[in-house]
Amino acid sequence: GNQNTVSAIVTLAYDCRRPDFFTPHAIAALKLVDAGVISSKSVGAAHGEIGHTQFLPGNVLKYGVGGRNLRDKATALMSTANFLRGHGYRGGPASANRGAIAGWNA
C-alpha cells in the first residue's frame, strides 16, 4: 500500500468506531518507529498493516522475529508462522487449525 503507516493507524485509533482495538496498535507503531523498525515516513496498507503478510503494528511487536523487517520475505514468513503458532497452529489439516487461522483473519 501507499498509506503512511503511523498516520493511518493513529487516525483509526482517534477517529474510528473501534478505538479500543486500534489504540494499542497506534502505540505499537510509535514503539516500532522508536526502535527503528519503521520510520515516520513508512508506508503500508490503509489500516496501518505492515509488510508482505500485513501485520498490524502490535502484532509486529508480539510475533515479529529477528529484526522485525516484514518487508523482507523470509522475516515476514517466519513472523507469520510465529503468529499462527502463537494462536494454536499445530500442523496437520486446516480443519484442525481453524482457531489459529481465524486468529489471522476472522
PDB file of N, CA and C in Angstrom:
ATOM      1  N   GLY A   1       0.812  -1.184   0.000  1.00  0.00           N
ATOM      2  CA  GLY A   1       0.000   0.000   0.000  1.00  0.00           C
ATOM      3  C   GLY A   1       0.854   1.246   0.000  1.00  0.00           C
ATOM      4  N   ASN A   2       0.199   2.361  -0.106  1.00  0.00           N
ATOM      5  CA  ASN A   2       0.936   3.627  -0.139  1.00  0.00           C
ATOM      6  C   ASN A   2       0.465   4.609   0.928  1.00  0.00           C
ATOM      7  N   GLN A   3      -0.167   4.102   1.970  1.00  0.00           N
ATOM      8  CA  GLN A   3      -0.627   4.945   3.078  1.00  0.00           C
ATOM      9  C   GLN A   3       0.468   5.040   4.134  1.00  0.00           C
ATOM     10  N   ASN A   4       0.627   6.220   4.708  1.00  0.00           N
ATOM     11  CA  ASN A   4       1.578   6.372   5.801  1.00  0.00           C
ATOM     12  C   ASN A   4       1.112   5.496   6.956  1.00  0.00           C
ATOM     13  N   THR A   5       1.962   4.585   7.383  1.00  0.00           N
ATOM     14  CA  THR A   5       1.604   3.594   8.402  1.00  0.00           C
ATOM     15  C   THR A   5       1.188   4.238   9.717  1.00  0.00           C
ATOM     16  N   VAL A   6       2.021   5.124  10.226  1.00  0.00           N
ATOM     17  CA  VAL A   6       1.735   5.746  11.528  1.00  0.00           C
ATOM     18  C   VAL A   6       0.474   6.595  11.440  1.00  0.00           C
ATOM     19  N   SER A   7       0.361   7.390  10.412  1.00  0.00           N
ATOM     20  CA  SER A   7      -0.810   8.251  10.257  1.00  0.00           C
ATOM     21  C   SER A   7      -2.093   7.424  10.153  1.00  0.00           C
ATOM     22  N   ALA A   8      -2.054   6.339   9.382  1.00  0.00           N
ATOM     23  CA  ALA A   8      -3.248   5.512   9.196  1.00  0.00           C
ATOM     24  C   ALA A   8      -3.715   4.913  10.514  1.00  0.00           C
ATOM     25  N   ILE A   9      -2.793   4.328  11.269  1.00  0.00           N
ATOM     26  CA  ILE A   9      -3.190   3.635  12.492  1.00  0.00           C
ATOM     27  C   ILE A   9      -3.574   4.622  13.593  1.00  0.00           C
ATOM     28  N   VAL A  10      -2.897   5.766  13.662  1.00  0.00           N
ATOM     29  CA  VAL A  10      -3.242   6.774  14.672  1.00  0.00           C
ATOM     30  C   VAL A  10      -4.609   7.383  14.357  1.00  0.00           C
ATOM     31  N   THR A  11      -4.897   7.591  13.092  1.00  0.00           N
ATOM     32  CA  THR A  11      -6.212   8.110  12.704  1.00  0.00           C
ATOM     33  C   THR A  11      -7.311   7.135  13.109  1.00  0.00           C
ATOM     34  N   LEU A  12      -7.090   5.859  12.876  1.00  0.00           N
ATOM     35  CA  LEU A  12      -8.087   4.860  13.273  1.00  0.00           C
ATOM     36  C   LEU A  12      -8.256   4.803  14.793  1.00  0.00           C
ATOM     37  N   ALA A  13      -7.171   4.972  15.524  1.00  0.00           N
ATOM     38  CA  ALA A  13      -7.262   4.959  16.995  1.00  0.00           C
ATOM     39  C   ALA A  13      -8.048   6.157  17.493  1.00  0.00           C
ATOM     40  N   TYR A  14      -7.924   7.286  16.798  1.00  0.00           N
ATOM     41  CA  TYR A  14      -8.587   8.514  17.237  1.00  0.00           C
ATOM     42  C   TYR A  14     -10.012   8.647  16.700  1.00  0.00           C
ATOM     43  N   ASP A  15     -10.191   8.365  15.429  1.00  0.00           N
ATOM     44  CA  ASP A  15     -11.455   8.687  14.757  1.00  0.00           C
ATOM     45  C   ASP A  15     -12.040   7.444  14.093  1.00  0.00           C
ATOM     46  N   CYS A  16     -12.428   6.511  14.917  1.00  0.00           N
ATOM     47  CA  CYS A  16     -12.932   5.240  14.403  1.00  0.00           C
ATOM     48  C   CYS A  16     -13.936   4.678  15.401  1.00  0.00           C
ATOM     49  N   ARG A  17     -14.761   3.767  14.936  1.00  0.00           N
ATOM     50  CA  ARG A  17     -15.725   3.163  15.855  1.00  0.00           C
ATOM     51  C   ARG A  17     -15.099   2.063  16.710  1.00  0.00           C
ATOM     52  N   ARG A  18     -13.801   1.768  16.508  1.00  0.00           N
ATOM     53  CA  ARG A  18     -13.135   0.740  17.299  1.00  0.00           C
ATOM     54  C   ARG A  18     -11.821   1.250  17.914  1.00  0.00           C
ATOM     55  N   PRO A  19     -11.856   2.330  18.674  1.00  0.00           N
ATOM     56  CA  PRO A  19     -10.606   2.858  19.246  1.00  0.00           C
ATOM     57  C   PRO A  19      -9.939   1.888  20.212  1.00  0.00           C
ATOM     58  N   ASP A  20     -10.714   1.070  20.925  1.00  0.00           N
ATOM     59  CA  ASP A  20     -10.110   0.115  21.863  1.00  0.00           C
ATOM     60  C   ASP A  20      -9.258  -0.921  21.131  1.00  0.00           C
ATOM     61  N   PHE A  21      -9.613  -1.213  19.892  1.00  0.00           N
ATOM     62  CA  PHE A  21      -8.837  -2.156  19.096  1.00  0.00           C
ATOM     63  C   PHE A  21      -7.589  -1.484  18.514  1.00  0.00           C
ATOM     64  N   PHE A  22      -7.745  -0.276  17.972  1.00  0.00           N
ATOM     65  CA  PHE A  22      -6.648   0.360  17.244  1.00  0.00           C
ATOM     66  C   PHE A  22      -5.658   1.123  18.116  1.00  0.00           C
ATOM     67  N   THR A  23      -6.053   1.599  19.299  1.00  0.00           N
ATOM     68  CA  THR A  23      -5.136   2.376  20.139  1.00  0.00           C
ATOM     69  C   THR A  23      -3.871   1.599  20.516  1.00  0.00           C
ATOM     70  N   PRO A  24      -3.962   0.333  20.945  1.00  0.00           N
ATOM     71  CA  PRO A  24      -2.719  -0.398  21.229  1.00  0.00           C
ATOM     72  C   PRO A  24      -1.818  -0.546  19.994  1.00  0.00           C
ATOM     73  N   HIS A  25      -2.418  -0.656  18.822  1.00  0.00           N
ATOM     74  CA  HIS A  25      -1.626  -0.757  17.597  1.00  0.00           C
ATOM     75  C   HIS A  25      -0.970   0.581  17.273  1.00  0.00           C
ATOM     76  N   ALA A  26      -1.640   1.686  17.580  1.00  0.00           N
ATOM     77  CA  ALA A  26      -1.038   3.004  17.376  1.00  0.00           C
ATOM     78  C   ALA A  26       0.178   3.175  18.282  1.00  0.00           C
ATOM     79  N   ILE A  27       0.051   2.774  19.527  1.00  0.00           N
ATOM     80  CA  ILE A  27       1.183   2.844  20.465  1.00  0.00           C
ATOM     81  C   ILE A  27       2.313   1.942  19.981  1.00  0.00           C
ATOM     82  N   ALA A  28       1.962   0.761  19.493  1.00  0.00           N
ATOM     83  CA  ALA A  28       2.966  -0.165  18.969  1.00  0.00           C
ATOM     84  C   ALA A  28       3.680   0.439  17.757  1.00  0.00           C
ATOM     85  N   ALA A  29       2.954   1.137  16.889  1.00  0.00           N
ATOM     86  CA  ALA A  29       3.583   1.773  15.730  1.00  0.00           C
ATOM     87  C   ALA A  29       4.626   2.787  16.183  1.00  0.00           C
ATOM     88  N   LEU A  30       4.311   3.547  17.210  1.00  0.00           N
ATOM     89  CA  LEU A  30       5.273   4.520  17.724  1.00  0.00           C
ATOM     90  C   LEU A  30       6.493   3.818  18.335  1.00  0.00           C
ATOM     91  N   LYS A  31       6.275   2.690  18.983  1.00  0.00           N
ATOM     92  CA  LYS A  31       7.397   1.906  19.524  1.00  0.00           C
ATOM     93  C   LYS A  31       8.269   1.364  18.389  1.00  0.00           C
ATOM     94  N   LEU A  32       7.641   0.954  17.280  1.00  0.00           N
ATOM     95  CA  LEU A  32       8.401   0.466  16.132  1.00  0.00           C
ATOM     96  C   LEU A  32       9.221   1.577  15.503  1.00  0.00           C
ATOM     97  N   VAL A  33       8.682   2.792  15.477  1.00  0.00           N
ATOM     98  CA  VAL A  33       9.452   3.945  14.995  1.00  0.00           C
ATOM     99  C   VAL A  33      10.638   4.178  15.924  1.00  0.00           C
ATOM    100  N   ASP A  34      10.386   4.163  17.229  1.00  0.00           N
ATOM    101  CA  ASP A  34      11.438   4.392  18.216  1.00  0.00           C
ATOM    102  C   ASP A  34      12.550   3.346  18.097  1.00  0.00           C
ATOM    103  N   ALA A  35      12.174   2.102  17.777  1.00  0.00           N
ATOM    104  CA  ALA A  35      13.149   1.013  17.657  1.00  0.00           C
ATOM    105  C   ALA A  35      13.839   1.002  16.291  1.00  0.00           C
ATOM    106  N   GLY A  36      13.391   1.842  15.369  1.00  0.00           N
ATOM    107  CA  GLY A  36      13.989   1.888  14.041  1.00  0.00           C
ATOM    108  C   GLY A  36      13.498   0.817  13.094  1.00  0.00           C
ATOM    109  N   VAL A  37      12.431   0.113  13.453  1.00  0.00           N
ATOM    110  CA  VAL A  37      11.871  -0.933  12.589  1.00  0.00           C
ATOM    111  C   VAL A  37      11.151  -0.302  11.402  1.00  0.00           C
ATOM    112  N   ILE A  38      10.393   0.745  11.673  1.00  0.00           N
ATOM    113  CA  ILE A  38       9.761   1.549  10.626  1.00  0.00           C
ATOM    114  C   ILE A  38      10.137   2.997  10.891  1.00  0.00           C
ATOM    115  N   SER A  39       9.844   3.866   9.957  1.00  0.00           N
ATOM    116  CA  SER A  39      10.093   5.296  10.168  1.00  0.00           C
ATOM    117  C   SER A  39       8.762   6.032  10.139  1.00  0.00           C
ATOM    118  N   SER A  40       8.808   7.277  10.472  1.00  0.00           N
ATOM    119  CA  SER A  40       7.577   8.082  10.431  1.00  0.00           C
ATOM    120  C   SER A  40       7.082   8.261   8.999  1.00  0.00           C
ATOM    121  N   LYS A  41       7.896   7.885   8.028  1.00  0.00           N
ATOM    122  CA  LYS A  41       7.518   8.000   6.618  1.00  0.00           C
ATOM    123  C   LYS A  41       7.202   6.655   5.971  1.00  0.00           C
ATOM    124  N   SER A  42       7.241   5.573   6.749  1.00  0.00           N
ATOM    125  CA  SER A  42       6.944   4.244   6.197  1.00  0.00           C
ATOM    126  C   SER A  42       5.519   4.187   5.681  1.00  0.00           C
ATOM    127  N   VAL A  43       5.343   3.440   4.605  1.00  0.00           N
ATOM    128  CA  VAL A  43       4.016   3.274   4.025  1.00  0.00           C
ATOM    129  C   VAL A  43       3.597   1.818   4.086  1.00  0.00           C
ATOM    130  N   GLY A  44       2.291   1.631   4.103  1.00  0.00           N
ATOM    131  CA  GLY A  44       1.708   0.297   4.139  1.00  0.00           C
ATOM    132  C   GLY A  44       0.266   0.363   3.695  1.00  0.00           C
ATOM    133  N   ALA A  45      -0.517  -0.557   4.172  1.00  0.00           N
ATOM    134  CA  ALA A  45      -1.920  -0.652   3.780  1.00  0.00           C
ATOM    135  C   ALA A  45      -2.763   0.409   4.490  1.00  0.00           C
ATOM    136  N   ALA A  46      -3.998   0.522   4.085  1.00  0.00           N
ATOM    137  CA  ALA A  46      -4.894   1.590   4.539  1.00  0.00           C
ATOM    138  C   ALA A  46      -5.165   1.600   6.034  1.00  0.00           C
ATOM    139  N   HIS A  47      -5.037   0.444   6.700  1.00  0.00           N
ATOM    140  CA  HIS A  47      -5.327   0.379   8.132  1.00  0.00           C
ATOM    141  C   HIS A  47      -4.065   0.238   8.968  1.00  0.00           C
ATOM    142  N   GLY A  48      -2.917   0.581   8.391  1.00  0.00           N
ATOM    143  CA  GLY A  48      -1.664   0.552   9.116  1.00  0.00           C
ATOM    144  C   GLY A  48      -0.946  -0.778   9.105  1.00  0.00           C
ATOM    145  N   GLU A  49      -1.388  -1.710   8.272  1.00  0.00           N
ATOM    146  CA  GLU A  49      -0.718  -3.010   8.199  1.00  0.00           C
ATOM    147  C   GLU A  49       0.667  -2.844   7.566  1.00  0.00           C
ATOM    148  N   ILE A  50       1.574  -3.726   7.989  1.00  0.00           N
ATOM    149  CA  ILE A  50       2.976  -3.606   7.600  1.00  0.00           C
ATOM    150  C   ILE A  50       3.445  -4.873   6.900  1.00  0.00           C
ATOM    151  N   GLY A  51       4.178  -4.721   5.810  1.00  0.00           N
ATOM    152  CA  GLY A  51       4.920  -5.800   5.191  1.00  0.00           C
ATOM    153  C   GLY A  51       4.122  -6.770   4.354  1.00  0.00           C
ATOM    154  N   HIS A  52       4.834  -7.819   3.912  1.00  0.00           N
ATOM    155  CA  HIS A  52       4.282  -8.809   2.985  1.00  0.00           C
ATOM    156  C   HIS A  52       3.009  -9.467   3.493  1.00  0.00           C
ATOM    157  N   THR A  53       2.962  -9.789   4.772  1.00  0.00           N
ATOM    158  CA  THR A  53       1.803 -10.515   5.290  1.00  0.00           C
ATOM    159  C   THR A  53       0.866  -9.630   6.098  1.00  0.00           C
ATOM    160  N   GLN A  54       1.059  -8.317   5.991  1.00  0.00           N
ATOM    161  CA  GLN A  54       0.113  -7.327   6.509  1.00  0.00           C
ATOM    162  C   GLN A  54      -0.155  -7.447   8.010  1.00  0.00           C
ATOM    163  N   PHE A  55       0.885  -7.357   8.806  1.00  0.00           N
ATOM    164  CA  PHE A  55       0.755  -7.359  10.259  1.00  0.00           C
ATOM    165  C   PHE A  55       0.356  -5.980  10.752  1.00  0.00           C
ATOM    166  N   LEU A  56      -0.551  -5.931  11.700  1.00  0.00           N
ATOM    167  CA  LEU A  56      -0.788  -4.688  12.419  1.00  0.00           C
ATOM    168  C   LEU A  56       0.409  -4.464  13.346  1.00  0.00           C
ATOM    169  N   PRO A  57       0.715  -3.210  13.681  1.00  0.00           N
ATOM    170  CA  PRO A  57       1.916  -2.926  14.471  1.00  0.00           C
ATOM    171  C   PRO A  57       2.030  -3.694  15.786  1.00  0.00           C
ATOM    172  N   GLY A  58       0.947  -3.870  16.516  1.00  0.00           N
ATOM    173  CA  GLY A  58       1.014  -4.621  17.762  1.00  0.00           C
ATOM    174  C   GLY A  58       1.421  -6.063  17.541  1.00  0.00           C
ATOM    175  N   ASN A  59       1.006  -6.627  16.415  1.00  0.00           N
ATOM    176  CA  ASN A  59       1.388  -8.000  16.096  1.00  0.00           C
ATOM    177  C   ASN A  59       2.849  -8.095  15.663  1.00  0.00           C
ATOM    178  N   VAL A  60       3.376  -7.017  15.076  1.00  0.00           N
ATOM    179  CA  VAL A  60       4.804  -6.991  14.759  1.00  0.00           C
ATOM    180  C   VAL A  60       5.598  -7.085  16.057  1.00  0.00           C
ATOM    181  N   LEU A  61       5.196  -6.302  17.066  1.00  0.00           N
ATOM    182  CA  LEU A  61       5.900  -6.349  18.351  1.00  0.00           C
ATOM    183  C   LEU A  61       5.790  -7.714  19.007  1.00  0.00           C
ATOM    184  N   LYS A  62       4.614  -8.301  18.952  1.00  0.00           N
ATOM    185  CA  LYS A  62       4.370  -9.550  19.668  1.00  0.00           C
ATOM    186  C   LYS A  62       4.907 -10.778  18.941  1.00  0.00           C
ATOM    187  N   TYR A  63       4.794 -10.822  17.629  1.00  0.00           N
ATOM    188  CA  TYR A  63       5.118 -12.038  16.882  1.00  0.00           C
ATOM    189  C   TYR A  63       6.265 -11.882  15.885  1.00  0.00           C
ATOM    190  N   GLY A  64       6.704 -10.657  15.644  1.00  0.00           N
ATOM    191  CA  GLY A  64       7.787 -10.440  14.691  1.00  0.00           C
ATOM    192  C   GLY A  64       9.072 -11.090  15.166  1.00  0.00           C
ATOM    193  N   VAL A  65       9.815 -11.660  14.249  1.00  0.00           N
ATOM    194  CA  VAL A  65      11.072 -12.324  14.586  1.00  0.00           C
ATOM    195  C   VAL A  65      12.245 -11.542  14.010  1.00  0.00           C
ATOM    196  N   GLY A  66      13.417 -11.843  14.515  1.00  0.00           N
ATOM    197  CA  GLY A  66      14.627 -11.183  14.015  1.00  0.00           C
ATOM    198  C   GLY A  66      14.533  -9.682  14.176  1.00  0.00           C
ATOM    199  N   GLY A  67      14.869  -8.974  13.123  1.00  0.00           N
ATOM    200  CA  GLY A  67      14.818  -7.520  13.145  1.00  0.00           C
ATOM    201  C   GLY A  67      13.436  -6.955  12.890  1.00  0.00           C
ATOM    202  N   ARG A  68      12.449  -7.843  12.745  1.00  0.00           N
ATOM    203  CA  ARG A  68      11.049  -7.461  12.528  1.00  0.00           C
ATOM    204  C   ARG A  68      10.821  -6.686  11.225  1.00  0.00           C
ATOM    205  N   ASN A  69      11.719  -6.816  10.272  1.00  0.00           N
ATOM    206  CA  ASN A  69      11.557  -6.158   8.981  1.00  0.00           C
ATOM    207  C   ASN A  69      10.629  -7.011   8.123  1.00  0.00           C
ATOM    208  N   LEU A  70       9.346  -6.718   8.179  1.00  0.00           N
ATOM    209  CA  LEU A  70       8.370  -7.541   7.464  1.00  0.00           C
ATOM    210  C   LEU A  70       8.306  -7.252   5.977  1.00  0.00           C
ATOM    211  N   ARG A  71       9.161  -6.348   5.501  1.00  0.00           N
ATOM    212  CA  ARG A  71       9.299  -6.163   4.059  1.00  0.00           C
ATOM    213  C   ARG A  71      10.249  -7.215   3.485  1.00  0.00           C
ATOM    214  N   ASP A  72      11.025  -7.847   4.354  1.00  0.00           N
ATOM    215  CA  ASP A  72      11.885  -8.957   3.967  1.00  0.00           C
ATOM    216  C   ASP A  72      11.023 -10.224   3.936  1.00  0.00           C
ATOM    217  N   LYS A  73      11.002 -10.914   2.813  1.00  0.00           N
ATOM    218  CA  LYS A  73      10.105 -12.060   2.646  1.00  0.00           C
ATOM    219  C   LYS A  73      10.331 -13.151   3.688  1.00  0.00           C
ATOM    220  N   ALA A  74      11.578 -13.501   3.946  1.00  0.00           N
ATOM    221  CA  ALA A  74      11.860 -14.569   4.900  1.00  0.00           C
ATOM    222  C   ALA A  74      11.408 -14.182   6.301  1.00  0.00           C
ATOM    223  N   THR A  75      11.677 -12.951   6.699  1.00  0.00           N
ATOM    224  CA  THR A  75      11.256 -12.482   8.024  1.00  0.00           C
ATOM    225  C   THR A  75       9.736 -12.457   8.125  1.00  0.00           C
ATOM    226  N   ALA A  76       9.076 -12.019   7.051  1.00  0.00           N
ATOM    227  CA  ALA A  76       7.609 -11.976   7.052  1.00  0.00           C
ATOM    228  C   ALA A  76       7.026 -13.379   7.207  1.00  0.00           C
ATOM    229  N   LEU A  77       7.574 -14.341   6.499  1.00  0.00           N
ATOM    230  CA  LEU A  77       7.049 -15.709   6.592  1.00  0.00           C
ATOM    231  C   LEU A  77       7.347 -16.333   7.956  1.00  0.00           C
ATOM    232  N   MET A  78       8.542 -16.100   8.492  1.00  0.00           N
ATOM    233  CA  MET A  78       8.853 -16.629   9.827  1.00  0.00           C
ATOM    234  C   MET A  78       7.966 -15.983  10.890  1.00  0.00           C
ATOM    235  N   SER A  79       7.708 -14.692  10.747  1.00  0.00           N
ATOM    236  CA  SER A  79       6.841 -13.992  11.693  1.00  0.00           C
ATOM    237  C   SER A  79       5.409 -14.491  11.589  1.00  0.00           C
ATOM    238  N   THR A  80       4.957 -14.764  10.376  1.00  0.00           N
ATOM    239  CA  THR A  80       3.615 -15.297  10.173  1.00  0.00           C
ATOM    240  C   THR A  80       3.488 -16.683  10.805  1.00  0.00           C
ATOM    241  N   ALA A  81       4.503 -17.513  10.627  1.00  0.00           N
ATOM    242  CA  ALA A  81       4.492 -18.836  11.263  1.00  0.00           C
ATOM    243  C   ALA A  81       4.462 -18.685  12.783  1.00  0.00           C
ATOM    244  N   ASN A  82       5.206 -17.735  13.309  1.00  0.00           N
ATOM    245  CA  ASN A  82       5.223 -17.485  14.757  1.00  0.00           C
ATOM    246  C   ASN A  82       3.850 -17.032  15.239  1.00  0.00           C
ATOM    247  N   PHE A  83       3.185 -16.176  14.473  1.00  0.00           N
ATOM    248  CA  PHE A  83       1.832 -15.719  14.801  1.00  0.00           C
ATOM    249  C   PHE A  83       0.871 -16.901  14.848  1.00  0.00           C
ATOM    250  N   LEU A  84       0.900 -17.736  13.803  1.00  0.00           N
ATOM    251  CA  LEU A  84      -0.008 -18.889  13.751  1.00  0.00           C
ATOM    252  C   LEU A  84       0.262 -19.854  14.899  1.00  0.00           C
ATOM    253  N   ARG A  85       1.530 -20.107  15.187  1.00  0.00           N
ATOM    254  CA  ARG A  85       1.874 -20.980  16.310  1.00  0.00           C
ATOM    255  C   ARG A  85       1.368 -20.377  17.621  1.00  0.00           C
ATOM    256  N   GLY A  86       1.497 -19.068  17.768  1.00  0.00           N
ATOM    257  CA  GLY A  86       1.008 -18.380  18.965  1.00  0.00           C
ATOM    258  C   GLY A  86      -0.501 -18.438  19.116  1.00  0.00           C
ATOM    259  N   HIS A  87      -1.197 -18.689  18.017  1.00  0.00           N
ATOM    260  CA  HIS A  87      -2.651 -18.816  18.039  1.00  0.00           C
ATOM    261  C   HIS A  87      -3.117 -20.266  17.996  1.00  0.00           C
ATOM    262  N   GLY A  88      -2.190 -21.196  18.240  1.00  0.00           N
ATOM    263  CA  GLY A  88      -2.577 -22.590  18.383  1.00  0.00           C
ATOM    264  C   GLY A  88      -2.337 -23.494  17.196  1.00  0.00           C
ATOM    265  N   TYR A  89      -1.729 -22.996  16.124  1.00  0.00           N
ATOM    266  CA  TYR A  89      -1.477 -23.859  14.962  1.00  0.00           C
ATOM    267  C   TYR A  89      -0.494 -24.952  15.339  1.00  0.00           C
ATOM    268  N   ARG A  90      -0.839 -26.191  15.033  1.00  0.00           N
ATOM    269  CA  ARG A  90      -0.006 -27.331  15.396  1.00  0.00           C
ATOM    270  C   ARG A  90       0.315 -28.238  14.219  1.00  0.00           C
ATOM    271  N   GLY A  91       0.041 -27.817  13.009  1.00  0.00           N
ATOM    272  CA  GLY A  91       0.302 -28.654  11.846  1.00  0.00           C
ATOM    273  C   GLY A  91      -0.894 -29.539  11.551  1.00  0.00           C
ATOM    274  N   GLY A  92      -0.812 -30.271  10.476  1.00  0.00           N
ATOM    275  CA  GLY A  92      -1.914 -31.143  10.088  1.00  0.00           C
ATOM    276  C   GLY A  92      -2.916 -30.401   9.222  1.00  0.00           C
ATOM    277  N   PRO A  93      -4.095 -30.965   9.096  1.00  0.00           N
ATOM    278  CA  PRO A  93      -5.095 -30.381   8.193  1.00  0.00           C
ATOM    279  C   PRO A  93      -5.604 -29.024   8.691  1.00  0.00           C
ATOM    280  N   ALA A  94      -6.028 -28.206   7.752  1.00  0.00           N
ATOM    281  CA  ALA A  94      -6.558 -26.882   8.097  1.00  0.00           C
ATOM    282  C   ALA A  94      -7.731 -26.986   9.063  1.00  0.00           C
ATOM    283  N   SER A  95      -8.543 -28.016   8.905  1.00  0.00           N
ATOM    284  CA  SER A  95      -9.715 -28.155   9.767  1.00  0.00           C
ATOM    285  C   SER A  95      -9.319 -28.302  11.241  1.00  0.00           C
ATOM    286  N   ALA A  96      -8.133 -28.833  11.506  1.00  0.00           N
ATOM    287  CA  ALA A  96      -7.665 -28.989  12.884  1.00  0.00           C
ATOM    288  C   ALA A  96      -7.060 -27.693  13.425  1.00  0.00           C
ATOM    289  N   ASN A  97      -6.917 -26.696  12.562  1.00  0.00           N
ATOM    290  CA  ASN A  97      -6.255 -25.446  12.936  1.00  0.00           C
ATOM    291  C   ASN A  97      -7.116 -24.224  12.675  1.00  0.00           C
ATOM    292  N   ARG A  98      -8.418 -24.420  12.633  1.00  0.00           N
ATOM    293  CA  ARG A  98      -9.323 -23.307  12.324  1.00  0.00           C
ATOM    294  C   ARG A  98      -9.153 -22.125  13.281  1.00  0.00           C
ATOM    295  N   GLY A  99      -8.975 -22.394  14.549  1.00  0.00           N
ATOM    296  CA  GLY A  99      -8.819 -21.319  15.524  1.00  0.00           C
ATOM    297  C   GLY A  99      -7.596 -20.464  15.236  1.00  0.00           C
ATOM    298  N   ALA A 100      -6.475 -21.103  14.901  1.00  0.00           N
ATOM    299  CA  ALA A 100      -5.253 -20.373  14.590  1.00  0.00           C
ATOM    300  C   ALA A 100      -5.429 -19.549  13.325  1.00  0.00           C
ATOM    301  N   ILE A 101      -6.052 -20.134  12.336  1.00  0.00           N
ATOM    302  CA  ILE A 101      -6.271 -19.438  11.069  1.00  0.00           C
ATOM    303  C   ILE A 101      -7.250 -18.275  11.271  1.00  0.00           C
ATOM    304  N   ALA A 102      -8.279 -18.470  12.077  1.00  0.00           N
ATOM    305  CA  ALA A 102      -9.222 -17.390  12.366  1.00  0.00           C
ATOM    306  C   ALA A 102      -8.548 -16.262  13.128  1.00  0.00           C
ATOM    307  N   GLY A 103      -7.509 -16.575  13.909  1.00  0.00           N
ATOM    308  CA  GLY A 103      -6.754 -15.529  14.592  1.00  0.00           C
ATOM    309  C   GLY A 103      -6.062 -14.612  13.620  1.00  0.00           C
ATOM    310  N   TRP A 104      -5.713 -15.137  12.449  1.00  0.00           N
ATOM    311  CA  TRP A 104      -5.077 -14.326  11.404  1.00  0.00           C
ATOM    312  C   TRP A 104      -6.112 -13.463  10.715  1.00  0.00           C
ATOM    313  N   ASN A 105      -7.213 -14.071  10.328  1.00  0.00           N
ATOM    314  CA  ASN A 105      -8.215 -13.315   9.586  1.00  0.00           C
ATOM    315  C   ASN A 105      -9.598 -13.900   9.882  1.00  0.00           C
ATOM    316  N   ALA A 106     -10.231 -13.350  10.910  1.00  0.00           N
ATOM    317  CA  ALA A 106     -11.549 -13.822  11.303  1.00  0.00           C
ATOM    318  C   ALA A 106     -12.563 -13.537  10.216  1.00  0.00           C
TER     319      ALA A 106
END
